[in-house]
PDB file of N, CA and C in Angstrom:
ATOM      1  N   MET A   1       3.887   7.548 -10.729  1.00  0.00           N
ATOM      2  CA  MET A   1       4.999   8.415 -10.431  1.00  0.00           C
ATOM      3  C   MET A   1       4.570   9.774 -10.646  1.00  0.00           C
ATOM      4  N   ASP A   2       5.592  10.293 -10.132  1.00  0.00           N
ATOM      5  CA  ASP A   2       5.157  12.176  -9.885  1.00  0.00           C
ATOM      6  C   ASP A   2       6.418  12.674 -10.154  1.00  0.00           C
ATOM      7  N   PRO A   3       6.464  13.087 -11.503  1.00  0.00           N
ATOM      8  CA  PRO A   3       7.867  13.464 -11.793  1.00  0.00           C
ATOM      9  C   PRO A   3       8.189  14.829 -10.994  1.00  0.00           C
ATOM     10  N   SER A   4       7.507  15.810 -10.738  1.00  0.00           N
ATOM     11  CA  SER A   4       7.568  16.869 -10.202  1.00  0.00           C
ATOM     12  C   SER A   4       8.743  17.186  -9.943  1.00  0.00           C
ATOM     13  N   VAL A   5       9.422  17.981  -9.367  1.00  0.00           N
ATOM     14  CA  VAL A   5      10.431  19.117  -8.262  1.00  0.00           C
ATOM     15  C   VAL A   5       9.539  18.386  -7.159  1.00  0.00           C
ATOM     16  N   ARG A   6       8.813  18.955  -6.471  1.00  0.00           N
ATOM     17  CA  ARG A   6       7.845  19.721  -5.188  1.00  0.00           C
ATOM     18  C   ARG A   6       8.195  18.030  -4.887  1.00  0.00           C
ATOM     19  N   PRO A   7       7.806  17.982  -3.253  1.00  0.00           N
ATOM     20  CA  PRO A   7       7.617  17.037  -2.377  1.00  0.00           C
ATOM     21  C   PRO A   7       5.928  16.467  -3.456  1.00  0.00           C
ATOM     22  N   ALA A   8       6.278  15.232  -3.145  1.00  0.00           N
ATOM     23  CA  ALA A   8       4.428  14.699  -3.266  1.00  0.00           C
ATOM     24  C   ALA A   8       3.745  15.513  -1.874  1.00  0.00           C
ATOM     25  N   SER A   9       2.514  16.036  -2.269  1.00  0.00           N
ATOM     26  CA  SER A   9       1.443  16.517  -1.139  1.00  0.00           C
ATOM     27  C   SER A   9      -0.072  15.100  -0.486  1.00  0.00           C
ATOM     28  N   LEU A  10      -0.518  15.783   0.983  1.00  0.00           N
ATOM     29  CA  LEU A  10      -1.164  14.851   1.123  1.00  0.00           C
ATOM     30  C   LEU A  10      -2.922  14.534   0.178  1.00  0.00           C
ATOM     31  N   ARG A  11      -3.282  16.231  -0.688  1.00  0.00           N
ATOM     32  CA  ARG A  11      -4.065  15.530  -1.832  1.00  0.00           C
ATOM     33  C   ARG A  11      -2.890  14.971  -3.024  1.00  0.00           C
ATOM     34  N   ASP A  12      -2.592  14.353  -3.144  1.00  0.00           N
ATOM     35  CA  ASP A  12      -1.873  13.640  -4.382  1.00  0.00           C
ATOM     36  C   ASP A  12      -1.735  12.407  -3.856  1.00  0.00           C
ATOM     37  N   VAL A  13      -1.137  11.908  -2.421  1.00  0.00           N
ATOM     38  CA  VAL A  13      -1.743  10.652  -1.597  1.00  0.00           C
ATOM     39  C   VAL A  13      -3.445  10.125  -1.849  1.00  0.00           C
ATOM     40  N   GLU A  14      -3.837  10.859  -1.441  1.00  0.00           N
ATOM     41  CA  GLU A  14      -5.573  10.626  -0.809  1.00  0.00           C
ATOM     42  C   GLU A  14      -6.342  10.584  -2.835  1.00  0.00           C
ATOM     43  N   CYS A  15      -5.370  10.958  -3.815  1.00  0.00           N
ATOM     44  CA  CYS A  15      -5.733  11.140  -4.895  1.00  0.00           C
ATOM     45  C   CYS A  15      -5.397   9.653  -5.636  1.00  0.00           C
ATOM     46  N   LEU A  16      -4.486   9.131  -4.964  1.00  0.00           N
ATOM     47  CA  LEU A  16      -3.893   7.684  -5.647  1.00  0.00           C
ATOM     48  C   LEU A  16      -4.762   6.546  -5.131  1.00  0.00           C
ATOM     49  N   TRP A  17      -4.568   7.081  -3.631  1.00  0.00           N
ATOM     50  CA  TRP A  17      -5.737   6.451  -3.264  1.00  0.00           C
ATOM     51  C   TRP A  17      -6.527   6.086  -3.583  1.00  0.00           C
ATOM     52  N   LEU A  18      -8.250   6.984  -3.629  1.00  0.00           N
ATOM     53  CA  LEU A  18      -9.152   7.222  -4.453  1.00  0.00           C
ATOM     54  C   LEU A  18      -9.519   6.550  -5.326  1.00  0.00           C
ATOM     55  N   THR A  19      -8.066   6.552  -6.290  1.00  0.00           N
ATOM     56  CA  THR A  19      -7.685   6.160  -7.977  1.00  0.00           C
ATOM     57  C   THR A  19      -8.270   4.830  -7.937  1.00  0.00           C
ATOM     58  N   ALA A  20      -7.567   3.914  -6.696  1.00  0.00           N
ATOM     59  CA  ALA A  20      -7.278   2.843  -6.668  1.00  0.00           C
ATOM     60  C   ALA A  20      -8.026   1.981  -6.464  1.00  0.00           C
ATOM     61  N   MET A  21      -8.894   2.853  -5.235  1.00  0.00           N
ATOM     62  CA  MET A  21     -10.205   2.025  -4.781  1.00  0.00           C
ATOM     63  C   MET A  21     -11.312   2.070  -5.366  1.00  0.00           C
ATOM     64  N   THR A  22     -11.423   3.191  -6.602  1.00  0.00           N
ATOM     65  CA  THR A  22     -12.896   3.166  -7.066  1.00  0.00           C
ATOM     66  C   THR A  22     -12.451   1.989  -8.260  1.00  0.00           C
ATOM     67  N   ALA A  23     -10.285   1.486  -8.721  1.00  0.00           N
ATOM     68  CA  ALA A  23     -10.614   0.504  -9.818  1.00  0.00           C
ATOM     69  C   ALA A  23     -10.924  -1.484  -9.004  1.00  0.00           C
ATOM     70  N   SER A  24     -11.343  -1.328  -7.329  1.00  0.00           N
ATOM     71  CA  SER A  24     -10.375  -2.055  -6.937  1.00  0.00           C
ATOM     72  C   SER A  24      -9.133  -2.516  -7.209  1.00  0.00           C
ATOM     73  N   ALA A  25      -7.611  -2.068  -6.917  1.00  0.00           N
ATOM     74  CA  ALA A  25      -7.160  -1.973  -6.763  1.00  0.00           C
ATOM     75  C   ALA A  25      -5.722  -1.865  -5.945  1.00  0.00           C
ATOM     76  N   ASP A  26      -4.725  -2.677  -5.890  1.00  0.00           N
ATOM     77  CA  ASP A  26      -3.192  -2.135  -4.903  1.00  0.00           C
ATOM     78  C   ASP A  26      -2.711  -0.728  -5.772  1.00  0.00           C
ATOM     79  N   CYS A  27      -2.730   0.447  -4.558  1.00  0.00           N
ATOM     80  CA  CYS A  27      -0.909   1.463  -5.050  1.00  0.00           C
ATOM     81  C   CYS A  27      -0.322   1.334  -4.352  1.00  0.00           C
ATOM     82  N   VAL A  28       0.573   1.906  -4.769  1.00  0.00           N
ATOM     83  CA  VAL A  28       1.787   2.468  -4.445  1.00  0.00           C
ATOM     84  C   VAL A  28       2.199   3.254  -5.492  1.00  0.00           C
ATOM     85  N   TYR A  29       3.016   4.724  -4.456  1.00  0.00           N
ATOM     86  CA  TYR A  29       3.398   5.588  -4.765  1.00  0.00           C
ATOM     87  C   TYR A  29       4.372   6.292  -5.099  1.00  0.00           C
ATOM     88  N   PHE A  30       5.576   6.580  -6.369  1.00  0.00           N
ATOM     89  CA  PHE A  30       6.412   6.317  -6.637  1.00  0.00           C
ATOM     90  C   PHE A  30       6.672   7.696  -6.407  1.00  0.00           C
ATOM     91  N   SER A  31       7.536   8.825  -6.181  1.00  0.00           N
ATOM     92  CA  SER A  31       7.439  10.070  -6.219  1.00  0.00           C
ATOM     93  C   SER A  31       9.374   9.957  -6.505  1.00  0.00           C
ATOM     94  N   LEU A  32      10.244  11.234  -6.966  1.00  0.00           N
ATOM     95  CA  LEU A  32      11.420  11.721  -7.270  1.00  0.00           C
ATOM     96  C   LEU A  32      12.102  12.632  -6.119  1.00  0.00           C
ATOM     97  N   ALA A  33      10.814  13.492  -5.712  1.00  0.00           N
ATOM     98  CA  ALA A  33      11.408  14.004  -5.197  1.00  0.00           C
ATOM     99  C   ALA A  33      10.646  14.408  -3.813  1.00  0.00           C
ATOM    100  N   GLY A  34      10.319  13.213  -3.466  1.00  0.00           N
ATOM    101  CA  GLY A  34       9.816  12.506  -1.817  1.00  0.00           C
ATOM    102  C   GLY A  34       8.437  13.070  -1.355  1.00  0.00           C
ATOM    103  N   TYR A  35       8.497  12.896   0.320  1.00  0.00           N
ATOM    104  CA  TYR A  35       6.479  13.516   0.636  1.00  0.00           C
ATOM    105  C   TYR A  35       6.202  14.341   1.627  1.00  0.00           C
ATOM    106  N   ALA A  36       5.729  14.901   1.075  1.00  0.00           N
ATOM    107  CA  ALA A  36       5.109  16.023   2.410  1.00  0.00           C
ATOM    108  C   ALA A  36       4.981  15.314   3.609  1.00  0.00           C
ATOM    109  N   GLU A  37       4.943  16.073   5.086  1.00  0.00           N
ATOM    110  CA  GLU A  37       5.153  15.184   5.954  1.00  0.00           C
ATOM    111  C   GLU A  37       3.636  14.768   6.662  1.00  0.00           C
ATOM    112  N   ASP A  38       2.525  15.845   6.169  1.00  0.00           N
ATOM    113  CA  ASP A  38       1.366  15.347   6.293  1.00  0.00           C
ATOM    114  C   ASP A  38       1.098  14.216   4.973  1.00  0.00           C
ATOM    115  N   ALA A  39       1.422  13.718   3.944  1.00  0.00           N
ATOM    116  CA  ALA A  39       1.449  12.969   2.976  1.00  0.00           C
ATOM    117  C   ALA A  39       1.882  11.919   3.043  1.00  0.00           C
ATOM    118  N   ARG A  40       2.800  11.809   3.907  1.00  0.00           N
ATOM    119  CA  ARG A  40       4.014  10.697   5.132  1.00  0.00           C
ATOM    120  C   ARG A  40       2.765  10.048   5.759  1.00  0.00           C
ATOM    121  N   ALA A  41       2.394  11.251   6.019  1.00  0.00           N
ATOM    122  CA  ALA A  41       1.072  10.462   7.960  1.00  0.00           C
ATOM    123  C   ALA A  41      -0.418   9.627   7.206  1.00  0.00           C
ATOM    124  N   ARG A  42      -0.955  10.430   6.037  1.00  0.00           N
ATOM    125  CA  ARG A  42      -1.959  10.029   5.425  1.00  0.00           C
ATOM    126  C   ARG A  42      -1.484   8.688   4.943  1.00  0.00           C
ATOM    127  N   ALA A  43      -0.361   8.531   4.352  1.00  0.00           N
ATOM    128  CA  ALA A  43      -0.067   7.564   3.217  1.00  0.00           C
ATOM    129  C   ALA A  43       0.355   5.951   4.574  1.00  0.00           C
ATOM    130  N   ASP A  44       0.353   6.096   5.552  1.00  0.00           N
ATOM    131  CA  ASP A  44       0.472   5.376   6.330  1.00  0.00           C
ATOM    132  C   ASP A  44      -0.515   4.857   6.713  1.00  0.00           C
ATOM    133  N   GLN A  45      -1.900   5.645   7.271  1.00  0.00           N
ATOM    134  CA  GLN A  45      -3.153   5.648   7.172  1.00  0.00           C
ATOM    135  C   GLN A  45      -3.488   4.884   6.667  1.00  0.00           C
ATOM    136  N   LEU A  46      -3.836   5.617   5.616  1.00  0.00           N
ATOM    137  CA  LEU A  46      -4.457   4.819   4.035  1.00  0.00           C
ATOM    138  C   LEU A  46      -3.304   3.566   3.954  1.00  0.00           C
ATOM    139  N   ARG A  47      -2.477   3.222   4.668  1.00  0.00           N
ATOM    140  CA  ARG A  47      -1.807   1.762   4.112  1.00  0.00           C
ATOM    141  C   ARG A  47      -0.961   1.730   2.144  1.00  0.00           C
ATOM    142  N   VAL A  48      -0.321   2.442   1.928  1.00  0.00           N
ATOM    143  CA  VAL A  48      -0.345   3.398   0.385  1.00  0.00           C
ATOM    144  C   VAL A  48       1.386   2.967   0.913  1.00  0.00           C
ATOM    145  N   PRO A  49       1.952   1.993   0.303  1.00  0.00           N
ATOM    146  CA  PRO A  49       2.743   1.894   0.122  1.00  0.00           C
ATOM    147  C   PRO A  49       3.775   2.916  -0.453  1.00  0.00           C
ATOM    148  N   LEU A  50       5.222   3.847  -0.372  1.00  0.00           N
ATOM    149  CA  LEU A  50       5.346   4.951  -0.808  1.00  0.00           C
ATOM    150  C   LEU A  50       7.163   4.998  -1.312  1.00  0.00           C
ATOM    151  N   PHE A  51       7.590   4.952  -1.762  1.00  0.00           N
ATOM    152  CA  PHE A  51       8.830   4.702  -2.633  1.00  0.00           C
ATOM    153  C   PHE A  51      10.107   6.027  -3.275  1.00  0.00           C
ATOM    154  N   VAL A  52      10.868   6.678  -2.459  1.00  0.00           N
ATOM    155  CA  VAL A  52      11.360   7.292  -3.262  1.00  0.00           C
ATOM    156  C   VAL A  52      12.709   7.148  -4.981  1.00  0.00           C
ATOM    157  N   LEU A  53      12.440   7.578  -6.135  1.00  0.00           N
ATOM    158  CA  LEU A  53      13.753   7.216  -6.661  1.00  0.00           C
ATOM    159  C   LEU A  53      15.097   8.003  -6.181  1.00  0.00           C
ATOM    160  N   ASP A  54      16.301   6.948  -6.476  1.00  0.00           N
ATOM    161  CA  ASP A  54      17.584   7.103  -5.887  1.00  0.00           C
ATOM    162  C   ASP A  54      17.444   8.038  -7.202  1.00  0.00           C
ATOM    163  N   LEU A  55      18.653   8.697  -7.242  1.00  0.00           N
ATOM    164  CA  LEU A  55      19.641   9.240  -8.170  1.00  0.00           C
ATOM    165  C   LEU A  55      19.824   7.536  -9.620  1.00  0.00           C
ATOM    166  N   THR A  56      19.562   7.141  -9.465  1.00  0.00           N
ATOM    167  CA  THR A  56      19.892   5.865 -10.321  1.00  0.00           C
ATOM    168  C   THR A  56      18.819   5.465 -10.721  1.00  0.00           C
ATOM    169  N   GLY A  57      17.907   5.844  -9.941  1.00  0.00           N
ATOM    170  CA  GLY A  57      16.776   5.286 -10.896  1.00  0.00           C
ATOM    171  C   GLY A  57      15.826   4.075  -9.940  1.00  0.00           C
ATOM    172  N   THR A  58      17.039   3.580  -8.619  1.00  0.00           N
ATOM    173  CA  THR A  58      16.162   2.520  -8.058  1.00  0.00           C
ATOM    174  C   THR A  58      15.649   3.247  -6.829  1.00  0.00           C
ATOM    175  N   PRO A  59      13.860   2.488  -7.269  1.00  0.00           N
ATOM    176  CA  PRO A  59      13.051   2.339  -5.532  1.00  0.00           C
ATOM    177  C   PRO A  59      13.510   2.287  -4.462  1.00  0.00           C
ATOM    178  N   GLN A  60      13.367   3.194  -3.502  1.00  0.00           N
ATOM    179  CA  GLN A  60      13.810   2.874  -2.105  1.00  0.00           C
ATOM    180  C   GLN A  60      12.432   3.819  -1.256  1.00  0.00           C
ATOM    181  N   PRO A  61      12.288   2.150  -0.343  1.00  0.00           N
ATOM    182  CA  PRO A  61      11.133   2.324   0.207  1.00  0.00           C
ATOM    183  C   PRO A  61      10.897   3.562   1.288  1.00  0.00           C
ATOM    184  N   VAL A  62       9.977   4.540   1.824  1.00  0.00           N
ATOM    185  CA  VAL A  62       9.902   5.215   2.201  1.00  0.00           C
ATOM    186  C   VAL A  62       9.461   4.942   4.447  1.00  0.00           C
ATOM    187  N   ASN A  63       8.433   4.305   3.813  1.00  0.00           N
ATOM    188  CA  ASN A  63       7.907   3.816   4.478  1.00  0.00           C
ATOM    189  C   ASN A  63       7.407   2.430   4.933  1.00  0.00           C
ATOM    190  N   ALA A  64       6.742   1.564   6.150  1.00  0.00           N
ATOM    191  CA  ALA A  64       6.626   0.581   6.451  1.00  0.00           C
ATOM    192  C   ALA A  64       5.923  -0.313   5.986  1.00  0.00           C
ATOM    193  N   MET A  65       5.462   0.106   4.688  1.00  0.00           N
ATOM    194  CA  MET A  65       4.262  -0.863   3.719  1.00  0.00           C
ATOM    195  C   MET A  65       5.032  -1.116   2.581  1.00  0.00           C
ATOM    196  N   ALA A  66       6.614   0.249   2.347  1.00  0.00           N
ATOM    197  CA  ALA A  66       7.146  -0.395   1.157  1.00  0.00           C
ATOM    198  C   ALA A  66       8.533  -1.218   1.477  1.00  0.00           C
ATOM    199  N   ASP A  67       8.422  -0.835   3.026  1.00  0.00           N
ATOM    200  CA  ASP A  67       9.307  -1.613   3.059  1.00  0.00           C
ATOM    201  C   ASP A  67       9.314  -2.877   3.316  1.00  0.00           C
ATOM    202  N   ALA A  68       7.798  -3.001   3.900  1.00  0.00           N
ATOM    203  CA  ALA A  68       6.717  -4.329   3.522  1.00  0.00           C
ATOM    204  C   ALA A  68       7.259  -5.283   1.507  1.00  0.00           C
ATOM    205  N   LEU A  69       6.817  -4.634   0.902  1.00  0.00           N
ATOM    206  CA  LEU A  69       6.850  -5.329  -0.447  1.00  0.00           C
ATOM    207  C   LEU A  69       8.405  -5.674  -0.889  1.00  0.00           C
ATOM    208  N   ASP A  70       9.712  -4.579  -0.735  1.00  0.00           N
ATOM    209  CA  ASP A  70      10.711  -4.392  -0.730  1.00  0.00           C
ATOM    210  C   ASP A  70      11.004  -5.851   0.003  1.00  0.00           C
ATOM    211  N   ALA A  71      11.003  -5.620   1.085  1.00  0.00           N
ATOM    212  CA  ALA A  71      11.616  -7.449   2.029  1.00  0.00           C
ATOM    213  C   ALA A  71      10.862  -8.904   0.791  1.00  0.00           C
ATOM    214  N   GLY A  72       9.622  -8.075   0.512  1.00  0.00           N
ATOM    215  CA  GLY A  72       9.423 -10.031  -0.348  1.00  0.00           C
ATOM    216  C   GLY A  72      10.362  -9.105  -1.084  1.00  0.00           C
ATOM    217  N   ASN A  73      10.879  -8.222  -2.168  1.00  0.00           N
ATOM    218  CA  ASN A  73      11.321  -8.452  -3.486  1.00  0.00           C
ATOM    219  C   ASN A  73      13.236  -9.155  -3.473  1.00  0.00           C
ATOM    220  N   THR A  74      13.017  -8.725  -2.021  1.00  0.00           N
ATOM    221  CA  THR A  74      15.281  -9.679  -1.878  1.00  0.00           C
ATOM    222  C   THR A  74      14.963 -11.176  -2.060  1.00  0.00           C
TER     223      THR A  74
END
């Protein structure tokens, strides 16, 4: 999760993805402030699910990969 007040950047998304790749794990990104436009595009290319936490702390899906995960939990 990114606790900052700025939208997650392209570099943030790529670093998460690279860390997951080195650990042979899947990754999911949670942000409080959303995502920069280029970060969202790159996450789609890398198939990284993006969520933003609403005011109640509930994750809300931001992209198609996150929607797919969210649909599997309903």
